[in-house]
Amino acid sequence: MVDKVSKMKKLKVTQIKSGIDRPERQKKTLQALGIKKMNNPIIVDATPQIVGMINKLQHLLTVEEV
């Protein structure tokens, strides 16, 4: 049986704009994604939940497929 997790796409997410002076909900979404610093990329699986969070913060992030 093929493991579906290994076939999942990976995304490299980088914060390019500050979370200061943003709504609390957006700040908590940045935390939930695991982003700690600006310009510090993280690698995440492209699950529907993660893609939804990225779409809500697309004005603060850059996203590349790995």
PDB file of N, CA and C in Angstrom:
ATOM      1  N   MET A   1       0.843  -1.180   0.000  1.00  0.00           N
ATOM      2  CA  MET A   1       0.000   0.000   0.000  1.00  0.00           C
ATOM      3  C   MET A   1       0.888   1.242   0.000  1.00  0.00           C
ATOM      4  N   VAL A   2       0.596   2.181  -0.881  1.00  0.00           N
ATOM      5  CA  VAL A   2       1.389   3.393  -1.010  1.00  0.00           C
ATOM      6  C   VAL A   2       0.994   4.374   0.096  1.00  0.00           C
ATOM      7  N   ASP A   3       1.997   4.965   0.731  1.00  0.00           N
ATOM      8  CA  ASP A   3       1.759   5.928   1.796  1.00  0.00           C
ATOM      9  C   ASP A   3       1.363   7.269   1.181  1.00  0.00           C
ATOM     10  N   LYS A   4       0.146   7.747   1.467  1.00  0.00           N
ATOM     11  CA  LYS A   4      -0.344   8.990   0.870  1.00  0.00           C
ATOM     12  C   LYS A   4       0.405  10.207   1.393  1.00  0.00           C
ATOM     13  N   VAL A   5       0.916  10.148   2.607  1.00  0.00           N
ATOM     14  CA  VAL A   5       1.611  11.293   3.183  1.00  0.00           C
ATOM     15  C   VAL A   5       2.872  11.611   2.392  1.00  0.00           C
ATOM     16  N   SER A   6       3.584  10.593   1.922  1.00  0.00           N
ATOM     17  CA  SER A   6       4.818  10.840   1.188  1.00  0.00           C
ATOM     18  C   SER A   6       4.559  11.474  -0.177  1.00  0.00           C
ATOM     19  N   LYS A   7       3.348  11.308  -0.740  1.00  0.00           N
ATOM     20  CA  LYS A   7       3.031  11.875  -2.049  1.00  0.00           C
ATOM     21  C   LYS A   7       2.493  13.303  -1.947  1.00  0.00           C
ATOM     22  N   MET A   8       2.252  13.785  -0.726  1.00  0.00           N
ATOM     23  CA  MET A   8       1.695  15.106  -0.546  1.00  0.00           C
ATOM     24  C   MET A   8       2.713  16.178  -0.945  1.00  0.00           C
ATOM     25  N   LYS A   9       2.232  17.239  -1.581  1.00  0.00           N
ATOM     26  CA  LYS A   9       3.119  18.321  -1.991  1.00  0.00           C
ATOM     27  C   LYS A   9       3.629  19.068  -0.774  1.00  0.00           C
ATOM     28  N   LYS A  10       4.820  19.613  -0.914  1.00  0.00           N
ATOM     29  CA  LYS A  10       5.419  20.431   0.140  1.00  0.00           C
ATOM     30  C   LYS A  10       5.442  21.875  -0.347  1.00  0.00           C
ATOM     31  N   LEU A  11       5.235  22.795   0.567  1.00  0.00           N
ATOM     32  CA  LEU A  11       5.270  24.214   0.251  1.00  0.00           C
ATOM     33  C   LEU A  11       6.309  24.903   1.124  1.00  0.00           C
ATOM     34  N   LYS A  12       7.047  25.815   0.521  1.00  0.00           N
ATOM     35  CA  LYS A  12       7.990  26.648   1.270  1.00  0.00           C
ATOM     36  C   LYS A  12       7.318  27.999   1.465  1.00  0.00           C
ATOM     37  N   VAL A  13       7.055  28.341   2.708  1.00  0.00           N
ATOM     38  CA  VAL A  13       6.319  29.553   3.047  1.00  0.00           C
ATOM     39  C   VAL A  13       7.263  30.516   3.752  1.00  0.00           C
ATOM     40  N   THR A  14       7.289  31.766   3.293  1.00  0.00           N
ATOM     41  CA  THR A  14       8.146  32.792   3.879  1.00  0.00           C
ATOM     42  C   THR A  14       7.308  34.032   4.149  1.00  0.00           C
ATOM     43  N   GLN A  15       7.446  34.576   5.354  1.00  0.00           N
ATOM     44  CA  GLN A  15       6.755  35.821   5.689  1.00  0.00           C
ATOM     45  C   GLN A  15       7.568  36.980   5.156  1.00  0.00           C
ATOM     46  N   ILE A  16       6.926  37.857   4.352  1.00  0.00           N
ATOM     47  CA  ILE A  16       7.640  38.985   3.756  1.00  0.00           C
ATOM     48  C   ILE A  16       7.172  40.332   4.283  1.00  0.00           C
ATOM     49  N   LYS A  17       6.041  40.359   4.982  1.00  0.00           N
ATOM     50  CA  LYS A  17       5.540  41.598   5.577  1.00  0.00           C
ATOM     51  C   LYS A  17       5.250  41.343   7.051  1.00  0.00           C
ATOM     52  N   SER A  18       5.318  42.402   7.826  1.00  0.00           N
ATOM     53  CA  SER A  18       5.175  42.302   9.273  1.00  0.00           C
ATOM     54  C   SER A  18       3.738  41.984   9.693  1.00  0.00           C
ATOM     55  N   GLY A  19       3.614  41.270  10.798  1.00  0.00           N
ATOM     56  CA  GLY A  19       2.319  40.994  11.395  1.00  0.00           C
ATOM     57  C   GLY A  19       1.894  42.063  12.381  1.00  0.00           C
ATOM     58  N   ILE A  20       2.767  43.054  12.617  1.00  0.00           N
ATOM     59  CA  ILE A  20       2.439  44.152  13.520  1.00  0.00           C
ATOM     60  C   ILE A  20       1.305  44.967  12.906  1.00  0.00           C
ATOM     61  N   ASP A  21       0.406  45.406  13.738  1.00  0.00           N
ATOM     62  CA  ASP A  21      -0.749  46.207  13.328  1.00  0.00           C
ATOM     63  C   ASP A  21      -1.696  45.426  12.416  1.00  0.00           C
ATOM     64  N   ARG A  22      -1.739  44.121  12.586  1.00  0.00           N
ATOM     65  CA  ARG A  22      -2.693  43.264  11.873  1.00  0.00           C
ATOM     66  C   ARG A  22      -3.719  42.763  12.887  1.00  0.00           C
ATOM     67  N   PRO A  23      -4.879  42.333  12.431  1.00  0.00           N
ATOM     68  CA  PRO A  23      -5.868  41.785  13.365  1.00  0.00           C
ATOM     69  C   PRO A  23      -5.313  40.572  14.125  1.00  0.00           C
ATOM     70  N   GLU A  24      -5.796  40.387  15.342  1.00  0.00           N
ATOM     71  CA  GLU A  24      -5.326  39.301  16.199  1.00  0.00           C
ATOM     72  C   GLU A  24      -5.506  37.943  15.515  1.00  0.00           C
ATOM     73  N   ARG A  25      -6.562  37.813  14.759  1.00  0.00           N
ATOM     74  CA  ARG A  25      -6.825  36.548  14.061  1.00  0.00           C
ATOM     75  C   ARG A  25      -5.706  36.202  13.078  1.00  0.00           C
ATOM     76  N   GLN A  26      -5.201  37.206  12.364  1.00  0.00           N
ATOM     77  CA  GLN A  26      -4.101  36.971  11.426  1.00  0.00           C
ATOM     78  C   GLN A  26      -2.811  36.637  12.163  1.00  0.00           C
ATOM     79  N   LYS A  27      -2.571  37.279  13.305  1.00  0.00           N
ATOM     80  CA  LYS A  27      -1.383  36.971  14.102  1.00  0.00           C
ATOM     81  C   LYS A  27      -1.412  35.528  14.589  1.00  0.00           C
ATOM     82  N   LYS A  28      -2.587  35.073  15.012  1.00  0.00           N
ATOM     83  CA  LYS A  28      -2.709  33.696  15.497  1.00  0.00           C
ATOM     84  C   LYS A  28      -2.579  32.695  14.358  1.00  0.00           C
ATOM     85  N   THR A  29      -3.009  33.069  13.164  1.00  0.00           N
ATOM     86  CA  THR A  29      -2.848  32.190  12.010  1.00  0.00           C
ATOM     87  C   THR A  29      -1.368  32.055  11.649  1.00  0.00           C
ATOM     88  N   LEU A  30      -0.609  33.141  11.757  1.00  0.00           N
ATOM     89  CA  LEU A  30       0.842  33.062  11.531  1.00  0.00           C
ATOM     90  C   LEU A  30       1.486  32.104  12.530  1.00  0.00           C
ATOM     91  N   GLN A  31       1.072  32.177  13.788  1.00  0.00           N
ATOM     92  CA  GLN A  31       1.590  31.267  14.808  1.00  0.00           C
ATOM     93  C   GLN A  31       1.216  29.825  14.490  1.00  0.00           C
ATOM     94  N   ALA A  32      -0.023  29.615  14.055  1.00  0.00           N
ATOM     95  CA  ALA A  32      -0.490  28.262  13.754  1.00  0.00           C
ATOM     96  C   ALA A  32       0.284  27.645  12.593  1.00  0.00           C
ATOM     97  N   LEU A  33       0.718  28.474  11.657  1.00  0.00           N
ATOM     98  CA  LEU A  33       1.531  27.982  10.543  1.00  0.00           C
ATOM     99  C   LEU A  33       2.941  27.619  10.990  1.00  0.00           C
ATOM    100  N   GLY A  34       3.365  28.158  12.128  1.00  0.00           N
ATOM    101  CA  GLY A  34       4.708  27.879  12.624  1.00  0.00           C
ATOM    102  C   GLY A  34       5.730  28.904  12.207  1.00  0.00           C
ATOM    103  N   ILE A  35       5.258  30.052  11.745  1.00  0.00           N
ATOM    104  CA  ILE A  35       6.165  31.112  11.322  1.00  0.00           C
ATOM    105  C   ILE A  35       6.571  31.913  12.549  1.00  0.00           C
ATOM    106  N   LYS A  36       7.878  32.012  12.762  1.00  0.00           N
ATOM    107  CA  LYS A  36       8.388  32.697  13.946  1.00  0.00           C
ATOM    108  C   LYS A  36       9.052  34.026  13.618  1.00  0.00           C
ATOM    109  N   LYS A  37       9.709  34.121  12.476  1.00  0.00           N
ATOM    110  CA  LYS A  37      10.435  35.326  12.093  1.00  0.00           C
ATOM    111  C   LYS A  37      10.159  35.653  10.632  1.00  0.00           C
ATOM    112  N   MET A  38      10.372  36.912  10.300  1.00  0.00           N
ATOM    113  CA  MET A  38      10.267  37.302   8.894  1.00  0.00           C
ATOM    114  C   MET A  38      11.465  36.766   8.127  1.00  0.00           C
ATOM    115  N   ASN A  39      11.267  36.491   6.865  1.00  0.00           N
ATOM    116  CA  ASN A  39      12.308  36.001   5.947  1.00  0.00           C
ATOM    117  C   ASN A  39      12.944  34.693   6.394  1.00  0.00           C
ATOM    118  N   ASN A  40      12.258  33.934   7.233  1.00  0.00           N
ATOM    119  CA  ASN A  40      12.738  32.643   7.693  1.00  0.00           C
ATOM    120  C   ASN A  40      11.777  31.577   7.140  1.00  0.00           C
ATOM    121  N   PRO A  41      12.135  30.908   6.045  1.00  0.00           N
ATOM    122  CA  PRO A  41      11.183  29.995   5.405  1.00  0.00           C
ATOM    123  C   PRO A  41      10.907  28.755   6.243  1.00  0.00           C
ATOM    124  N   ILE A  42       9.678  28.249   6.106  1.00  0.00           N
ATOM    125  CA  ILE A  42       9.297  26.977   6.715  1.00  0.00           C
ATOM    126  C   ILE A  42       8.778  26.079   5.597  1.00  0.00           C
ATOM    127  N   ILE A  43       8.896  24.772   5.791  1.00  0.00           N
ATOM    128  CA  ILE A  43       8.389  23.785   4.835  1.00  0.00           C
ATOM    129  C   ILE A  43       7.188  23.098   5.464  1.00  0.00           C
ATOM    130  N   VAL A  44       6.049  23.122   4.778  1.00  0.00           N
ATOM    131  CA  VAL A  44       4.826  22.511   5.291  1.00  0.00           C
ATOM    132  C   VAL A  44       4.203  21.637   4.208  1.00  0.00           C
ATOM    133  N   ASP A  45       3.400  20.663   4.638  1.00  0.00           N
ATOM    134  CA  ASP A  45       2.627  19.847   3.705  1.00  0.00           C
ATOM    135  C   ASP A  45       1.446  20.663   3.185  1.00  0.00           C
ATOM    136  N   ALA A  46       1.058  20.432   1.959  1.00  0.00           N
ATOM    137  CA  ALA A  46      -0.028  21.190   1.330  1.00  0.00           C
ATOM    138  C   ALA A  46      -1.374  20.538   1.625  1.00  0.00           C
ATOM    139  N   THR A  47      -1.764  20.511   2.906  1.00  0.00           N
ATOM    140  CA  THR A  47      -3.083  19.994   3.278  1.00  0.00           C
ATOM    141  C   THR A  47      -4.120  21.082   3.025  1.00  0.00           C
ATOM    142  N   PRO A  48      -5.383  20.726   2.922  1.00  0.00           N
ATOM    143  CA  PRO A  48      -6.412  21.754   2.707  1.00  0.00           C
ATOM    144  C   PRO A  48      -6.439  22.801   3.827  1.00  0.00           C
ATOM    145  N   GLN A  49      -6.155  22.387   5.059  1.00  0.00           N
ATOM    146  CA  GLN A  49      -6.159  23.323   6.173  1.00  0.00           C
ATOM    147  C   GLN A  49      -5.028  24.342   6.037  1.00  0.00           C
ATOM    148  N   ILE A  50      -3.840  23.868   5.688  1.00  0.00           N
ATOM    149  CA  ILE A  50      -2.677  24.752   5.532  1.00  0.00           C
ATOM    150  C   ILE A  50      -2.886  25.687   4.349  1.00  0.00           C
ATOM    151  N   VAL A  51      -3.398  25.174   3.247  1.00  0.00           N
ATOM    152  CA  VAL A  51      -3.639  26.006   2.063  1.00  0.00           C
ATOM    153  C   VAL A  51      -4.663  27.094   2.388  1.00  0.00           C
ATOM    154  N   GLY A  52      -5.669  26.776   3.181  1.00  0.00           N
ATOM    155  CA  GLY A  52      -6.656  27.777   3.592  1.00  0.00           C
ATOM    156  C   GLY A  52      -6.037  28.877   4.430  1.00  0.00           C
ATOM    157  N   MET A  53      -5.142  28.495   5.353  1.00  0.00           N
ATOM    158  CA  MET A  53      -4.467  29.500   6.184  1.00  0.00           C
ATOM    159  C   MET A  53      -3.580  30.399   5.328  1.00  0.00           C
ATOM    160  N   ILE A  54      -2.883  29.790   4.374  1.00  0.00           N
ATOM    161  CA  ILE A  54      -2.005  30.564   3.483  1.00  0.00           C
ATOM    162  C   ILE A  54      -2.831  31.540   2.646  1.00  0.00           C
ATOM    163  N   ASN A  55      -3.999  31.107   2.170  1.00  0.00           N
ATOM    164  CA  ASN A  55      -4.847  31.989   1.366  1.00  0.00           C
ATOM    165  C   ASN A  55      -5.312  33.199   2.160  1.00  0.00           C
ATOM    166  N   LYS A  56      -5.582  33.026   3.454  1.00  0.00           N
ATOM    167  CA  LYS A  56      -6.014  34.138   4.293  1.00  0.00           C
ATOM    168  C   LYS A  56      -4.891  35.140   4.551  1.00  0.00           C
ATOM    169  N   LEU A  57      -3.639  34.687   4.439  1.00  0.00           N
ATOM    170  CA  LEU A  57      -2.495  35.548   4.717  1.00  0.00           C
ATOM    171  C   LEU A  57      -1.656  35.820   3.477  1.00  0.00           C
ATOM    172  N   GLN A  58      -2.229  35.676   2.307  1.00  0.00           N
ATOM    173  CA  GLN A  58      -1.446  35.783   1.080  1.00  0.00           C
ATOM    174  C   GLN A  58      -0.809  37.156   0.901  1.00  0.00           C
ATOM    175  N   HIS A  59      -1.314  38.180   1.557  1.00  0.00           N
ATOM    176  CA  HIS A  59      -0.730  39.514   1.461  1.00  0.00           C
ATOM    177  C   HIS A  59       0.517  39.657   2.335  1.00  0.00           C
ATOM    178  N   LEU A  60       0.772  38.688   3.222  1.00  0.00           N
ATOM    179  CA  LEU A  60       1.943  38.724   4.113  1.00  0.00           C
ATOM    180  C   LEU A  60       3.006  37.699   3.736  1.00  0.00           C
ATOM    181  N   LEU A  61       2.676  36.760   2.861  1.00  0.00           N
ATOM    182  CA  LEU A  61       3.536  35.593   2.609  1.00  0.00           C
ATOM    183  C   LEU A  61       3.925  35.464   1.147  1.00  0.00           C
ATOM    184  N   THR A  62       5.020  34.734   0.929  1.00  0.00           N
ATOM    185  CA  THR A  62       5.326  34.192  -0.404  1.00  0.00           C
ATOM    186  C   THR A  62       5.336  32.684  -0.265  1.00  0.00           C
ATOM    187  N   VAL A  63       4.890  31.997  -1.306  1.00  0.00           N
ATOM    188  CA  VAL A  63       4.761  30.553  -1.272  1.00  0.00           C
ATOM    189  C   VAL A  63       5.402  29.968  -2.527  1.00  0.00           C
ATOM    190  N   GLU A  64       6.225  28.947  -2.326  1.00  0.00           N
ATOM    191  CA  GLU A  64       6.845  28.223  -3.446  1.00  0.00           C
ATOM    192  C   GLU A  64       6.611  26.736  -3.238  1.00  0.00           C
ATOM    193  N   GLU A  65       6.392  26.032  -4.335  1.00  0.00           N
ATOM    194  CA  GLU A  65       6.264  24.580  -4.246  1.00  0.00           C
ATOM    195  C   GLU A  65       7.659  23.951  -4.232  1.00  0.00           C
ATOM    196  N   VAL A  66       7.844  23.004  -3.344  1.00  0.00           N
ATOM    197  CA  VAL A  66       9.164  22.349  -3.218  1.00  0.00           C
ATOM    198  C   VAL A  66       9.095  20.978  -3.865  1.00  0.00           C
TER     199      VAL A  66
END
